[in-house]
Amino acid sequence: MTRHPISNAATAANATASRGFVLLEALIALLIFALAVLGLVGLQASMTRATSGAKYRADAAYLASDLVGTMWTDSRNLALYDAGRCAGHPPCQRWMARVSERLPTGIGSAEISQTAPGQVTVKVTWKAPSDELRQFRTTTAITPNTD
């Protein structure tokens, strides 16, 4: 049995074509893998932003509740927690400092209603990097302690 030169050339051409096809398959698989990794990185970044946002909202709610609790225990001095007077009242000053420590560009304020006695509105505002301005607001009624 002798081999013909034509069949050897055809076999060599088929082998070269097969190697090119395998290389193309490998490049396509690498492209699909790279896109999947990019998608996972984007998902991770989105989850990190959502987690940070949830933490800031929880901190704002906690801080507002903390001030309301402080006002309840110090209800005789309720007027001193109003936005204009807060800077001169030590418990309110400490609360404002905690707000600015725990929240990015955090600002806290309380407003005592002039029309409804004992009605207090606490606002906590913050702005996370690359996010819009956020605000938590709660309103409650505090009856002054007469003891």
N, C-alpha and C. Protein backbone atom coordinates (compact mmCIF):
# COMPACT_ATOMS: atom_id res chain seq x y z
N MET A 1 0.81 -1.15 0.00
CA MET A 1 0.00 0.00 0.00
C MET A 1 0.88 1.25 0.00
N THR A 2 0.70 2.02 -0.95
CA THR A 2 1.48 3.25 -1.05
C THR A 2 0.55 4.44 -0.83
N ARG A 3 1.15 5.42 -0.30
CA ARG A 3 0.37 6.65 -0.05
C ARG A 3 0.57 7.59 -1.21
N HIS A 4 -0.46 8.25 -1.51
CA HIS A 4 -0.40 9.22 -2.58
C HIS A 4 -0.09 10.60 -1.99
N PRO A 5 0.70 11.37 -2.71
CA PRO A 5 1.04 12.70 -2.20
C PRO A 5 -0.18 13.60 -2.05
N ILE A 6 -1.22 13.40 -2.81
CA ILE A 6 -2.40 14.24 -2.72
C ILE A 6 -3.09 14.01 -1.38
N SER A 7 -3.20 12.76 -0.96
CA SER A 7 -3.88 12.47 0.29
C SER A 7 -3.08 13.01 1.48
N ASN A 8 -1.74 13.03 1.41
CA ASN A 8 -0.93 13.60 2.49
C ASN A 8 -1.16 15.11 2.57
N ALA A 9 -1.27 15.78 1.44
CA ALA A 9 -1.50 17.22 1.44
C ALA A 9 -2.90 17.52 1.98
N ALA A 10 -3.88 16.70 1.62
CA ALA A 10 -5.24 16.92 2.12
C ALA A 10 -5.31 16.70 3.62
N THR A 11 -4.60 15.70 4.12
CA THR A 11 -4.57 15.42 5.56
C THR A 11 -3.91 16.56 6.32
N ALA A 12 -2.85 17.11 5.76
CA ALA A 12 -2.15 18.23 6.40
C ALA A 12 -3.05 19.46 6.42
N ALA A 13 -3.79 19.70 5.36
CA ALA A 13 -4.70 20.85 5.30
C ALA A 13 -5.82 20.69 6.32
N ASN A 14 -6.35 19.47 6.47
CA ASN A 14 -7.41 19.21 7.45
C ASN A 14 -6.89 19.42 8.88
N ALA A 15 -5.69 19.00 9.14
CA ALA A 15 -5.10 19.17 10.48
C ALA A 15 -4.92 20.65 10.81
N THR A 16 -4.48 21.45 9.83
CA THR A 16 -4.30 22.88 10.05
C THR A 16 -5.65 23.55 10.30
N ALA A 17 -6.68 23.16 9.53
CA ALA A 17 -8.01 23.72 9.71
C ALA A 17 -8.57 23.36 11.08
N SER A 18 -8.32 22.14 11.53
CA SER A 18 -8.80 21.70 12.85
C SER A 18 -8.14 22.51 13.96
N ARG A 19 -6.83 22.75 13.82
CA ARG A 19 -6.13 23.53 14.84
C ARG A 19 -6.67 24.96 14.88
N GLY A 20 -7.00 25.54 13.76
CA GLY A 20 -7.56 26.88 13.71
C GLY A 20 -8.94 26.94 14.34
N PHE A 21 -9.72 25.90 14.14
CA PHE A 21 -11.06 25.84 14.72
C PHE A 21 -10.99 25.69 16.23
N VAL A 22 -10.08 24.89 16.72
CA VAL A 22 -9.91 24.72 18.17
C VAL A 22 -9.46 26.04 18.81
N LEU A 23 -8.59 26.76 18.14
CA LEU A 23 -8.14 28.05 18.64
C LEU A 23 -9.31 29.04 18.70
N LEU A 24 -10.16 29.04 17.67
CA LEU A 24 -11.32 29.91 17.66
C LEU A 24 -12.29 29.54 18.79
N GLU A 25 -12.50 28.26 19.03
CA GLU A 25 -13.35 27.82 20.14
C GLU A 25 -12.80 28.29 21.48
N ALA A 26 -11.51 28.20 21.65
CA ALA A 26 -10.88 28.62 22.90
C ALA A 26 -11.03 30.13 23.10
N LEU A 27 -10.89 30.90 22.04
CA LEU A 27 -11.04 32.35 22.16
C LEU A 27 -12.48 32.74 22.49
N ILE A 28 -13.44 32.06 21.91
CA ILE A 28 -14.86 32.34 22.20
C ILE A 28 -15.17 31.97 23.66
N ALA A 29 -14.66 30.84 24.12
CA ALA A 29 -14.87 30.44 25.52
C ALA A 29 -14.25 31.46 26.47
N LEU A 30 -13.08 31.97 26.14
CA LEU A 30 -12.42 32.98 26.96
C LEU A 30 -13.23 34.27 26.98
N LEU A 31 -13.82 34.65 25.86
CA LEU A 31 -14.65 35.84 25.79
C LEU A 31 -15.89 35.68 26.66
N ILE A 32 -16.54 34.53 26.60
CA ILE A 32 -17.72 34.28 27.42
C ILE A 32 -17.36 34.31 28.91
N PHE A 33 -16.24 33.72 29.27
CA PHE A 33 -15.78 33.73 30.67
C PHE A 33 -15.51 35.15 31.14
N ALA A 34 -14.85 35.96 30.29
CA ALA A 34 -14.54 37.34 30.67
C ALA A 34 -15.82 38.15 30.87
N LEU A 35 -16.82 37.96 30.02
CA LEU A 35 -18.09 38.67 30.19
C LEU A 35 -18.80 38.25 31.47
N ALA A 36 -18.73 36.97 31.80
CA ALA A 36 -19.34 36.48 33.04
C ALA A 36 -18.66 37.10 34.26
N VAL A 37 -17.34 37.19 34.25
CA VAL A 37 -16.61 37.79 35.37
C VAL A 37 -16.96 39.27 35.48
N LEU A 38 -17.05 39.97 34.36
CA LEU A 38 -17.44 41.38 34.39
C LEU A 38 -18.84 41.55 34.97
N GLY A 39 -19.75 40.67 34.62
CA GLY A 39 -21.10 40.72 35.17
C GLY A 39 -21.10 40.51 36.68
N LEU A 40 -20.30 39.58 37.16
CA LEU A 40 -20.21 39.33 38.59
C LEU A 40 -19.62 40.51 39.34
N VAL A 41 -18.63 41.16 38.75
CA VAL A 41 -18.04 42.35 39.38
C VAL A 41 -19.07 43.47 39.47
N GLY A 42 -19.85 43.67 38.42
CA GLY A 42 -20.90 44.67 38.45
C GLY A 42 -21.97 44.36 39.48
N LEU A 43 -22.33 43.10 39.61
CA LEU A 43 -23.31 42.68 40.60
C LEU A 43 -22.78 42.91 42.01
N GLN A 44 -21.52 42.62 42.24
CA GLN A 44 -20.91 42.84 43.55
C GLN A 44 -20.90 44.32 43.91
N ALA A 45 -20.59 45.18 42.96
CA ALA A 45 -20.60 46.62 43.21
C ALA A 45 -22.01 47.10 43.54
N SER A 46 -22.99 46.61 42.83
CA SER A 46 -24.38 46.98 43.09
C SER A 46 -24.82 46.52 44.47
N MET A 47 -24.45 45.33 44.86
CA MET A 47 -24.80 44.82 46.18
C MET A 47 -24.12 45.62 47.29
N THR A 48 -22.90 46.04 47.07
CA THR A 48 -22.19 46.85 48.06
C THR A 48 -22.87 48.19 48.25
N ARG A 49 -23.30 48.82 47.16
CA ARG A 49 -24.03 50.09 47.26
C ARG A 49 -25.34 49.91 48.01
N ALA A 50 -26.06 48.84 47.71
CA ALA A 50 -27.34 48.60 48.37
C ALA A 50 -27.14 48.34 49.86
N THR A 51 -26.11 47.60 50.22
CA THR A 51 -25.82 47.32 51.62
C THR A 51 -25.45 48.59 52.36
N SER A 52 -24.64 49.43 51.75
CA SER A 52 -24.28 50.70 52.38
C SER A 52 -25.50 51.58 52.57
N GLY A 53 -26.35 51.65 51.57
CA GLY A 53 -27.57 52.45 51.69
C GLY A 53 -28.47 51.97 52.81
N ALA A 54 -28.61 50.65 52.94
CA ALA A 54 -29.43 50.09 54.02
C ALA A 54 -28.83 50.40 55.39
N LYS A 55 -27.51 50.34 55.48
CA LYS A 55 -26.85 50.65 56.76
C LYS A 55 -27.07 52.11 57.13
N TYR A 56 -26.94 53.01 56.17
CA TYR A 56 -27.15 54.43 56.45
C TYR A 56 -28.59 54.71 56.87
N ARG A 57 -29.56 54.06 56.22
CA ARG A 57 -30.96 54.25 56.62
C ARG A 57 -31.21 53.73 58.03
N ALA A 58 -30.64 52.59 58.35
CA ALA A 58 -30.80 52.03 59.70
C ALA A 58 -30.14 52.94 60.74
N ASP A 59 -28.95 53.45 60.44
CA ASP A 59 -28.28 54.36 61.36
C ASP A 59 -29.10 55.63 61.56
N ALA A 60 -29.68 56.17 60.50
CA ALA A 60 -30.48 57.39 60.60
C ALA A 60 -31.71 57.14 61.48
N ALA A 61 -32.37 56.01 61.29
CA ALA A 61 -33.55 55.69 62.11
C ALA A 61 -33.15 55.52 63.58
N TYR A 62 -32.03 54.85 63.82
CA TYR A 62 -31.55 54.67 65.19
C TYR A 62 -31.23 56.02 65.83
N LEU A 63 -30.52 56.88 65.11
CA LEU A 63 -30.14 58.18 65.67
C LEU A 63 -31.36 59.05 65.96
N ALA A 64 -32.35 59.02 65.08
CA ALA A 64 -33.57 59.79 65.33
C ALA A 64 -34.29 59.26 66.57
N SER A 65 -34.38 57.95 66.69
CA SER A 65 -35.01 57.36 67.88
C SER A 65 -34.23 57.67 69.14
N ASP A 66 -32.92 57.71 69.01
CA ASP A 66 -32.07 58.04 70.15
C ASP A 66 -32.37 59.46 70.65
N LEU A 67 -32.51 60.40 69.74
CA LEU A 67 -32.81 61.77 70.15
C LEU A 67 -34.20 61.86 70.77
N VAL A 68 -35.17 61.15 70.21
CA VAL A 68 -36.52 61.16 70.78
C VAL A 68 -36.47 60.61 72.20
N GLY A 69 -35.71 59.54 72.43
CA GLY A 69 -35.57 58.99 73.77
C GLY A 69 -34.92 59.98 74.73
N THR A 70 -33.91 60.67 74.23
CA THR A 70 -33.24 61.69 75.06
C THR A 70 -34.21 62.82 75.39
N MET A 71 -35.03 63.20 74.44
CA MET A 71 -36.02 64.26 74.69
C MET A 71 -37.05 63.82 75.73
N TRP A 72 -37.45 62.56 75.67
CA TRP A 72 -38.40 62.05 76.66
C TRP A 72 -37.82 62.14 78.07
N THR A 73 -36.57 61.79 78.21
CA THR A 73 -35.96 61.82 79.55
C THR A 73 -35.66 63.25 80.00
N ASP A 74 -35.55 64.17 79.08
CA ASP A 74 -35.23 65.57 79.38
C ASP A 74 -36.37 66.47 78.92
N SER A 75 -37.61 66.02 79.13
CA SER A 75 -38.76 66.75 78.57
C SER A 75 -38.96 68.13 79.19
N ARG A 76 -38.40 68.37 80.35
CA ARG A 76 -38.50 69.71 80.94
C ARG A 76 -37.78 70.75 80.08
N ASN A 77 -36.74 70.32 79.39
CA ASN A 77 -35.94 71.21 78.54
C ASN A 77 -36.24 71.00 77.06
N LEU A 78 -37.44 70.61 76.76
CA LEU A 78 -37.81 70.27 75.38
C LEU A 78 -37.53 71.42 74.42
N ALA A 79 -37.77 72.63 74.83
CA ALA A 79 -37.58 73.79 73.95
C ALA A 79 -36.11 73.96 73.54
N LEU A 80 -35.18 73.45 74.37
CA LEU A 80 -33.75 73.59 74.06
C LEU A 80 -33.30 72.68 72.91
N TYR A 81 -34.13 71.73 72.49
CA TYR A 81 -33.79 70.83 71.39
C TYR A 81 -34.20 71.40 70.04
N ASP A 82 -34.89 72.52 70.03
CA ASP A 82 -35.31 73.13 68.78
C ASP A 82 -34.07 73.52 67.96
N ALA A 83 -34.22 73.53 66.66
CA ALA A 83 -33.09 73.73 65.74
C ALA A 83 -32.22 74.93 66.09
N GLY A 84 -32.80 76.03 66.47
CA GLY A 84 -32.02 77.22 66.76
C GLY A 84 -31.26 77.17 68.07
N ARG A 85 -31.75 76.41 69.01
CA ARG A 85 -31.14 76.37 70.35
C ARG A 85 -30.29 75.14 70.60
N CYS A 86 -30.33 74.19 69.74
CA CYS A 86 -29.69 72.88 69.97
C CYS A 86 -28.18 73.01 70.20
N ALA A 87 -27.54 73.92 69.51
CA ALA A 87 -26.09 74.04 69.62
C ALA A 87 -25.65 74.43 71.03
N GLY A 88 -26.53 75.02 71.83
CA GLY A 88 -26.16 75.41 73.18
C GLY A 88 -26.55 74.41 74.24
N HIS A 89 -27.18 73.31 73.86
CA HIS A 89 -27.64 72.30 74.84
C HIS A 89 -26.78 71.05 74.69
N PRO A 90 -25.99 70.69 75.73
CA PRO A 90 -25.02 69.59 75.61
C PRO A 90 -25.59 68.25 75.11
N PRO A 91 -26.74 67.76 75.59
CA PRO A 91 -27.22 66.48 75.02
C PRO A 91 -27.50 66.56 73.53
N CYS A 92 -28.01 67.69 73.10
CA CYS A 92 -28.29 67.88 71.67
C CYS A 92 -26.99 68.00 70.88
N GLN A 93 -26.01 68.68 71.43
CA GLN A 93 -24.70 68.80 70.78
C GLN A 93 -24.07 67.43 70.58
N ARG A 94 -24.12 66.57 71.62
CA ARG A 94 -23.54 65.23 71.51
C ARG A 94 -24.26 64.41 70.43
N TRP A 95 -25.58 64.56 70.37
CA TRP A 95 -26.35 63.84 69.36
C TRP A 95 -25.96 64.29 67.95
N MET A 96 -25.84 65.60 67.77
CA MET A 96 -25.45 66.12 66.46
C MET A 96 -24.05 65.63 66.07
N ALA A 97 -23.15 65.52 67.03
CA ALA A 97 -21.81 65.01 66.75
C ALA A 97 -21.88 63.54 66.33
N ARG A 98 -22.74 62.74 66.98
CA ARG A 98 -22.88 61.33 66.58
C ARG A 98 -23.44 61.20 65.17
N VAL A 99 -24.37 62.08 64.83
CA VAL A 99 -24.94 62.05 63.47
C VAL A 99 -23.85 62.31 62.44
N SER A 100 -23.02 63.32 62.69
CA SER A 100 -21.97 63.63 61.71
C SER A 100 -20.88 62.57 61.68
N GLU A 101 -20.69 61.83 62.77
CA GLU A 101 -19.69 60.74 62.79
C GLU A 101 -20.18 59.51 62.05
N ARG A 102 -21.44 59.15 62.23
CA ARG A 102 -21.95 57.88 61.71
C ARG A 102 -22.45 57.93 60.28
N LEU A 103 -22.82 59.13 59.81
CA LEU A 103 -23.36 59.24 58.46
C LEU A 103 -22.49 60.17 57.62
N PRO A 104 -22.28 59.83 56.35
CA PRO A 104 -21.48 60.72 55.49
C PRO A 104 -22.21 62.05 55.28
N THR A 105 -21.53 63.11 55.59
CA THR A 105 -22.08 64.47 55.57
C THR A 105 -23.42 64.53 56.31
N GLY A 106 -23.47 63.84 57.45
CA GLY A 106 -24.71 63.75 58.23
C GLY A 106 -25.02 65.02 58.98
N ILE A 107 -26.29 65.41 58.93
CA ILE A 107 -26.79 66.59 59.64
C ILE A 107 -28.10 66.18 60.32
N GLY A 108 -28.22 66.52 61.58
CA GLY A 108 -29.44 66.22 62.31
C GLY A 108 -30.05 67.48 62.88
N SER A 109 -31.38 67.50 62.96
CA SER A 109 -32.06 68.65 63.54
C SER A 109 -33.39 68.21 64.12
N ALA A 110 -33.90 69.00 65.06
CA ALA A 110 -35.21 68.76 65.64
C ALA A 110 -36.00 70.05 65.57
N GLU A 111 -37.27 69.93 65.32
CA GLU A 111 -38.15 71.09 65.27
C GLU A 111 -39.30 70.86 66.25
N ILE A 112 -39.47 71.80 67.15
CA ILE A 112 -40.56 71.74 68.11
C ILE A 112 -41.71 72.55 67.53
N SER A 113 -42.88 71.95 67.42
CA SER A 113 -44.03 72.63 66.84
C SER A 113 -44.49 73.76 67.74
N GLN A 114 -44.78 74.89 67.13
CA GLN A 114 -45.30 76.04 67.88
C GLN A 114 -46.83 75.96 68.01
N THR A 115 -47.46 75.20 67.13
CA THR A 115 -48.93 75.13 67.15
C THR A 115 -49.46 73.93 67.93
N ALA A 116 -48.73 72.81 67.89
CA ALA A 116 -49.16 71.62 68.63
C ALA A 116 -48.17 71.38 69.77
N PRO A 117 -48.56 71.60 71.01
CA PRO A 117 -47.64 71.45 72.13
C PRO A 117 -47.07 70.03 72.22
N GLY A 118 -45.76 69.96 72.36
CA GLY A 118 -45.07 68.68 72.51
C GLY A 118 -44.82 67.92 71.22
N GLN A 119 -45.27 68.42 70.09
CA GLN A 119 -45.03 67.72 68.83
C GLN A 119 -43.62 68.04 68.34
N VAL A 120 -42.85 67.00 68.10
CA VAL A 120 -41.45 67.13 67.72
C VAL A 120 -41.21 66.40 66.40
N THR A 121 -40.49 67.04 65.49
CA THR A 121 -40.08 66.40 64.24
C THR A 121 -38.56 66.35 64.22
N VAL A 122 -38.02 65.13 64.08
CA VAL A 122 -36.57 64.93 64.02
C VAL A 122 -36.21 64.57 62.59
N LYS A 123 -35.23 65.30 62.05
CA LYS A 123 -34.76 65.04 60.68
C LYS A 123 -33.29 64.69 60.72
N VAL A 124 -32.93 63.65 59.97
CA VAL A 124 -31.54 63.26 59.79
C VAL A 124 -31.29 63.21 58.29
N THR A 125 -30.30 63.97 57.83
CA THR A 125 -30.00 64.08 56.40
C THR A 125 -28.56 63.63 56.17
N TRP A 126 -28.32 62.91 55.08
CA TRP A 126 -26.97 62.47 54.72
C TRP A 126 -26.86 62.33 53.22
N LYS A 127 -25.62 62.30 52.75
CA LYS A 127 -25.34 62.10 51.33
C LYS A 127 -24.12 61.20 51.20
N ALA A 128 -24.34 60.00 50.72
CA ALA A 128 -23.25 59.06 50.50
C ALA A 128 -22.52 59.43 49.22
N PRO A 129 -21.26 59.04 49.09
CA PRO A 129 -20.53 59.31 47.84
C PRO A 129 -21.26 58.70 46.65
N SER A 130 -21.34 59.43 45.59
CA SER A 130 -22.00 59.03 44.34
C SER A 130 -23.45 58.60 44.56
N ASP A 131 -24.13 59.30 45.46
CA ASP A 131 -25.54 59.03 45.72
C ASP A 131 -26.24 60.37 45.90
N GLU A 132 -27.54 60.35 45.91
CA GLU A 132 -28.29 61.59 46.09
C GLU A 132 -28.51 61.85 47.58
N LEU A 133 -28.97 63.03 47.89
CA LEU A 133 -29.24 63.44 49.26
C LEU A 133 -30.41 62.62 49.80
N ARG A 134 -30.23 62.05 50.99
CA ARG A 134 -31.25 61.21 51.63
C ARG A 134 -31.67 61.85 52.94
N GLN A 135 -32.91 61.55 53.37
CA GLN A 135 -33.40 62.12 54.62
C GLN A 135 -34.33 61.13 55.31
N PHE A 136 -34.16 61.04 56.62
CA PHE A 136 -35.08 60.29 57.46
C PHE A 136 -35.77 61.30 58.37
N ARG A 137 -37.09 61.19 58.47
CA ARG A 137 -37.86 62.14 59.27
C ARG A 137 -38.87 61.37 60.11
N THR A 138 -38.98 61.73 61.36
CA THR A 138 -39.98 61.13 62.23
C THR A 138 -40.61 62.22 63.08
N THR A 139 -41.90 62.05 63.34
CA THR A 139 -42.63 63.02 64.16
C THR A 139 -43.28 62.27 65.31
N THR A 140 -43.19 62.85 66.49
CA THR A 140 -43.77 62.24 67.67
C THR A 140 -44.27 63.33 68.61
N ALA A 141 -45.05 62.93 69.58
CA ALA A 141 -45.55 63.87 70.59
C ALA A 141 -44.89 63.51 71.93
N ILE A 142 -44.32 64.50 72.56
CA ILE A 142 -43.66 64.31 73.86
C ILE A 142 -44.36 65.19 74.87
N THR A 143 -44.91 64.56 75.88
CA THR A 143 -45.56 65.33 76.94
C THR A 143 -44.53 65.71 77.98
N PRO A 144 -44.50 66.96 78.36
CA PRO A 144 -43.50 67.40 79.34
C PRO A 144 -43.70 66.72 80.69
N ASN A 145 -42.60 66.36 81.30
CA ASN A 145 -42.60 65.73 82.61
C ASN A 145 -42.77 66.82 83.66
N THR A 146 -43.78 66.71 84.49
CA THR A 146 -44.03 67.75 85.50
C THR A 146 -43.47 67.38 86.87
N ASP A 147 -42.81 66.26 86.97
CA ASP A 147 -42.23 65.84 88.27
C ASP A 147 -41.06 66.68 88.65
